[in-house]
Amino acid sequence: MKIAIGSDHVGFELKPVIIEYLKELGHEVEDFGPYTSERTDYPKYGKKVAEEVVAENFDAGILICGTGVGISISANKVKGIRAVVCSEPYSAKLSKEHNNTNILAFGSRVVGIELAKMIVSEWLNAEFEGGRHQNRVEMIKEIEKEYNR
């Protein structure tokens, strides 16, 4: 899988750990910044990763900020993105199986390294179930169209 990853300055320290973990799992990863721990704004990186995923340059995206909330909200403003912020593996798994999420976000101030790895693993290993869930994903797409997002 090709995975785009980004963070803000708060997620900066956890990001290389997750990049290394993804590579150990056999995935190709591209880091969209930031490249230093200097204070920065999470919307820039949420947008960058989301645009790459929507353009189908990457199969999925991972975003990290303090809580995962702000950066996931930013990513979700890009039409076609279904970003989920997760603090535990079960929601990560179900978000893929039921909502076909294409970006995973979490907070470096909320989860530790090993929990972050478990969340990533569950999300990556889950598969969209389709069926009744496909109808709901289509409804989400219709909402996007309605509001010209």
C-alpha atoms as a PDB file:
ATOM      1  CA  MET A   1       0.000   0.000   0.000  1.00  0.00           C
ATOM      2  CA  LYS A   2       1.104   3.584  -0.655  1.00  0.00           C
ATOM      3  CA  ILE A   3       0.428   5.745   2.387  1.00  0.00           C
ATOM      4  CA  ALA A   4       0.669   9.530   2.721  1.00  0.00           C
ATOM      5  CA  ILE A   5       1.453  10.806   6.213  1.00  0.00           C
ATOM      6  CA  GLY A   6       1.483  14.235   7.803  1.00  0.00           C
ATOM      7  CA  SER A   7       1.370  15.885  11.191  1.00  0.00           C
ATOM      8  CA  ASP A   8       1.757  19.173  12.954  1.00  0.00           C
ATOM      9  CA  HIS A   9       4.554  20.079  15.361  1.00  0.00           C
ATOM     10  CA  VAL A  10       2.854  18.212  18.238  1.00  0.00           C
ATOM     11  CA  GLY A  11       2.626  14.986  16.213  1.00  0.00           C
ATOM     12  CA  PHE A  12       6.120  15.442  14.801  1.00  0.00           C
ATOM     13  CA  GLU A  13       7.890  13.097  17.261  1.00  0.00           C
ATOM     14  CA  LEU A  14       5.418  10.237  16.827  1.00  0.00           C
ATOM     15  CA  LYS A  15       5.375  10.492  13.025  1.00  0.00           C
ATOM     16  CA  PRO A  16       8.802   8.876  12.320  1.00  0.00           C
ATOM     17  CA  VAL A  17       7.925   6.002  14.642  1.00  0.00           C
ATOM     18  CA  ILE A  18       4.730   5.360  12.661  1.00  0.00           C
ATOM     19  CA  ILE A  19       6.581   5.755   9.350  1.00  0.00           C
ATOM     20  CA  GLU A  20       9.104   3.116  10.418  1.00  0.00           C
ATOM     21  CA  TYR A  21       6.299   0.816  11.593  1.00  0.00           C
ATOM     22  CA  LEU A  22       4.485   1.183   8.261  1.00  0.00           C
ATOM     23  CA  LYS A  23       7.677   0.359   6.377  1.00  0.00           C
ATOM     24  CA  GLU A  24       8.236  -2.711   8.576  1.00  0.00           C
ATOM     25  CA  LEU A  25       4.743  -3.839   7.538  1.00  0.00           C
ATOM     26  CA  GLY A  26       5.803  -3.517   3.898  1.00  0.00           C
ATOM     27  CA  HIS A  27       4.070  -0.278   2.975  1.00  0.00           C
ATOM     28  CA  GLU A  28       5.461   2.564   0.892  1.00  0.00           C
ATOM     29  CA  VAL A  29       5.234   5.841   2.822  1.00  0.00           C
ATOM     30  CA  GLU A  30       5.663   9.477   1.865  1.00  0.00           C
ATOM     31  CA  ASP A  31       5.966  12.174   4.522  1.00  0.00           C
ATOM     32  CA  PHE A  32       4.167  15.421   3.660  1.00  0.00           C
ATOM     33  CA  GLY A  33       5.576  17.338   6.593  1.00  0.00           C
ATOM     34  CA  PRO A  34       6.371  19.100   8.645  1.00  0.00           C
ATOM     35  CA  TYR A  35      10.050  18.284   8.579  1.00  0.00           C
ATOM     36  CA  THR A  36      11.015  20.081  11.807  1.00  0.00           C
ATOM     37  CA  SER A  37       9.410  20.430  15.230  1.00  0.00           C
ATOM     38  CA  GLU A  38       8.947  24.185  14.725  1.00  0.00           C
ATOM     39  CA  ARG A  39       5.413  25.359  15.563  1.00  0.00           C
ATOM     40  CA  THR A  40       3.120  25.030  12.565  1.00  0.00           C
ATOM     41  CA  ASP A  41      -0.563  24.787  11.661  1.00  0.00           C
ATOM     42  CA  TYR A  42      -2.244  21.386  11.293  1.00  0.00           C
ATOM     43  CA  PRO A  43      -4.730  22.436   8.543  1.00  0.00           C
ATOM     44  CA  LYS A  44      -1.854  22.702   6.039  1.00  0.00           C
ATOM     45  CA  TYR A  45      -0.894  19.067   6.510  1.00  0.00           C
ATOM     46  CA  GLY A  46      -4.427  17.722   6.779  1.00  0.00           C
ATOM     47  CA  LYS A  47      -5.176  19.373   3.438  1.00  0.00           C
ATOM     48  CA  LYS A  48      -1.961  18.161   1.755  1.00  0.00           C
ATOM     49  CA  VAL A  49      -2.475  14.529   2.702  1.00  0.00           C
ATOM     50  CA  ALA A  50      -6.187  14.645   1.854  1.00  0.00           C
ATOM     51  CA  GLU A  51      -5.501  16.083  -1.605  1.00  0.00           C
ATOM     52  CA  GLU A  52      -2.990  13.323  -2.320  1.00  0.00           C
ATOM     53  CA  VAL A  53      -5.459  10.618  -1.256  1.00  0.00           C
ATOM     54  CA  VAL A  54      -8.345  12.118  -3.279  1.00  0.00           C
ATOM     55  CA  ALA A  55      -6.066  12.392  -6.328  1.00  0.00           C
ATOM     56  CA  GLU A  56      -5.418   8.647  -5.888  1.00  0.00           C
ATOM     57  CA  ASN A  57      -1.682   9.209  -5.655  1.00  0.00           C
ATOM     58  CA  PHE A  58      -1.883   7.240  -2.399  1.00  0.00           C
ATOM     59  CA  ASP A  59      -4.117   4.429  -1.180  1.00  0.00           C
ATOM     60  CA  ALA A  60      -4.594   5.936   2.271  1.00  0.00           C
ATOM     61  CA  GLY A  61      -3.478   8.692   4.593  1.00  0.00           C
ATOM     62  CA  ILE A  62      -2.436   8.964   8.228  1.00  0.00           C
ATOM     63  CA  LEU A  63      -2.486  12.229  10.172  1.00  0.00           C
ATOM     64  CA  ILE A  64      -1.172  13.064  13.635  1.00  0.00           C
ATOM     65  CA  CYS A  65      -1.678  16.165  15.764  1.00  0.00           C
ATOM     66  CA  GLY A  66      -2.190  16.664  19.498  1.00  0.00           C
ATOM     67  CA  THR A  67      -5.628  15.035  19.618  1.00  0.00           C
ATOM     68  CA  GLY A  68      -6.151  14.031  15.980  1.00  0.00           C
ATOM     69  CA  VAL A  69      -9.305  16.123  15.935  1.00  0.00           C
ATOM     70  CA  GLY A  70      -8.190  19.350  14.264  1.00  0.00           C
ATOM     71  CA  ILE A  71      -6.155  17.675  11.558  1.00  0.00           C
ATOM     72  CA  SER A  72      -9.000  15.244  10.766  1.00  0.00           C
ATOM     73  CA  ILE A  73     -11.515  18.092  10.528  1.00  0.00           C
ATOM     74  CA  SER A  74      -9.175  19.821   8.074  1.00  0.00           C
ATOM     75  CA  ALA A  75      -8.823  16.681   5.959  1.00  0.00           C
ATOM     76  CA  ASN A  76     -12.587  16.146   5.945  1.00  0.00           C
ATOM     77  CA  LYS A  77     -13.084  19.504   4.228  1.00  0.00           C
ATOM     78  CA  VAL A  78     -11.591  17.974   1.081  1.00  0.00           C
ATOM     79  CA  LYS A  79     -14.348  16.426  -1.037  1.00  0.00           C
ATOM     80  CA  GLY A  80     -14.071  12.651  -1.095  1.00  0.00           C
ATOM     81  CA  ILE A  81     -12.267  12.298   2.199  1.00  0.00           C
ATOM     82  CA  ARG A  82     -13.645  10.247   5.033  1.00  0.00           C
ATOM     83  CA  ALA A  83     -11.119  10.835   7.811  1.00  0.00           C
ATOM     84  CA  VAL A  84     -11.627   9.301  11.225  1.00  0.00           C
ATOM     85  CA  VAL A  85      -9.914  10.190  14.466  1.00  0.00           C
ATOM     86  CA  CYS A  86      -9.389   7.141  16.675  1.00  0.00           C
ATOM     87  CA  SER A  87      -7.994   6.619  20.133  1.00  0.00           C
ATOM     88  CA  GLU A  88      -8.476   2.850  20.172  1.00  0.00           C
ATOM     89  CA  PRO A  89      -8.280   0.009  17.631  1.00  0.00           C
ATOM     90  CA  TYR A  90     -11.938  -1.097  17.567  1.00  0.00           C
ATOM     91  CA  SER A  91     -13.235   2.190  16.144  1.00  0.00           C
ATOM     92  CA  ALA A  92     -10.391   2.257  13.634  1.00  0.00           C
ATOM     93  CA  LYS A  93     -11.334  -1.210  12.381  1.00  0.00           C
ATOM     94  CA  LEU A  94     -15.065  -0.472  12.156  1.00  0.00           C
ATOM     95  CA  SER A  95     -14.476   2.897  10.504  1.00  0.00           C
ATOM     96  CA  LYS A  96     -12.896   1.055   7.581  1.00  0.00           C
ATOM     97  CA  GLU A  97     -15.353  -1.850   7.535  1.00  0.00           C
ATOM     98  CA  HIS A  98     -18.490   0.304   7.763  1.00  0.00           C
ATOM     99  CA  ASN A  99     -17.512   3.787   6.540  1.00  0.00           C
ATOM    100  CA  ASN A 100     -14.678   3.005   4.123  1.00  0.00           C
ATOM    101  CA  THR A 101     -12.505   5.664   5.752  1.00  0.00           C
ATOM    102  CA  ASN A 102      -9.512   6.685   3.682  1.00  0.00           C
ATOM    103  CA  ILE A 103      -7.599   8.687   6.285  1.00  0.00           C
ATOM    104  CA  LEU A 104      -6.798   7.703   9.864  1.00  0.00           C
ATOM    105  CA  ALA A 105      -5.960  10.371  12.435  1.00  0.00           C
ATOM    106  CA  PHE A 106      -4.890  10.130  16.051  1.00  0.00           C
ATOM    107  CA  GLY A 107      -3.407  12.325  18.734  1.00  0.00           C
ATOM    108  CA  SER A 108       0.121  12.091  20.047  1.00  0.00           C
ATOM    109  CA  ARG A 109      -1.102  13.589  23.334  1.00  0.00           C
ATOM    110  CA  VAL A 110      -3.831  10.938  23.551  1.00  0.00           C
ATOM    111  CA  VAL A 111      -2.228   7.644  22.501  1.00  0.00           C
ATOM    112  CA  GLY A 112       1.220   6.230  23.133  1.00  0.00           C
ATOM    113  CA  ILE A 113       3.465   4.542  20.612  1.00  0.00           C
ATOM    114  CA  GLU A 114       2.234   0.966  21.047  1.00  0.00           C
ATOM    115  CA  LEU A 115      -1.438   1.944  21.054  1.00  0.00           C
ATOM    116  CA  ALA A 116      -0.866   4.052  17.927  1.00  0.00           C
ATOM    117  CA  LYS A 117       0.653   1.004  16.222  1.00  0.00           C
ATOM    118  CA  MET A 118      -2.340  -1.142  17.211  1.00  0.00           C
ATOM    119  CA  ILE A 119      -4.741   1.486  15.846  1.00  0.00           C
ATOM    120  CA  VAL A 120      -2.820   1.680  12.565  1.00  0.00           C
ATOM    121  CA  SER A 121      -2.650  -2.110  12.257  1.00  0.00           C
ATOM    122  CA  GLU A 122      -6.371  -2.643  12.823  1.00  0.00           C
ATOM    123  CA  TRP A 123      -7.260   0.114  10.361  1.00  0.00           C
ATOM    124  CA  LEU A 124      -4.918  -1.122   7.641  1.00  0.00           C
ATOM    125  CA  ASN A 125      -5.982  -4.750   8.006  1.00  0.00           C
ATOM    126  CA  ALA A 126      -9.706  -4.001   7.904  1.00  0.00           C
ATOM    127  CA  GLU A 127     -11.623  -4.155   4.627  1.00  0.00           C
ATOM    128  CA  PHE A 128     -14.740  -2.277   3.611  1.00  0.00           C
ATOM    129  CA  GLU A 129     -17.717  -4.632   3.860  1.00  0.00           C
ATOM    130  CA  GLY A 130     -19.908  -2.896   1.279  1.00  0.00           C
ATOM    131  CA  GLY A 131     -23.544  -4.048   1.284  1.00  0.00           C
ATOM    132  CA  ARG A 132     -25.740  -1.907   3.517  1.00  0.00           C
ATOM    133  CA  HIS A 133     -22.664   0.149   4.385  1.00  0.00           C
ATOM    134  CA  GLN A 134     -22.164   1.093   0.721  1.00  0.00           C
ATOM    135  CA  ASN A 135     -25.580   2.743   0.718  1.00  0.00           C
ATOM    136  CA  ARG A 136     -24.559   4.878   3.689  1.00  0.00           C
ATOM    137  CA  VAL A 137     -21.259   5.886   2.094  1.00  0.00           C
ATOM    138  CA  GLU A 138     -23.243   6.909  -0.997  1.00  0.00           C
ATOM    139  CA  MET A 139     -25.487   9.020   1.238  1.00  0.00           C
ATOM    140  CA  ILE A 140     -22.401  10.776   2.608  1.00  0.00           C
ATOM    141  CA  LYS A 141     -21.276  11.490  -0.957  1.00  0.00           C
ATOM    142  CA  GLU A 142     -24.699  12.982  -1.710  1.00  0.00           C
ATOM    143  CA  ILE A 143     -24.370  15.310   1.267  1.00  0.00           C
ATOM    144  CA  GLU A 144     -20.997  16.461  -0.115  1.00  0.00           C
ATOM    145  CA  LYS A 145     -22.611  17.192  -3.490  1.00  0.00           C
ATOM    146  CA  GLU A 146     -25.495  19.054  -1.862  1.00  0.00           C
ATOM    147  CA  TYR A 147     -23.142  21.419  -0.091  1.00  0.00           C
ATOM    148  CA  ASN A 148     -20.632  21.716  -2.970  1.00  0.00           C
ATOM    149  CA  ARG A 149     -17.764  20.519  -0.818  1.00  0.00           C
END
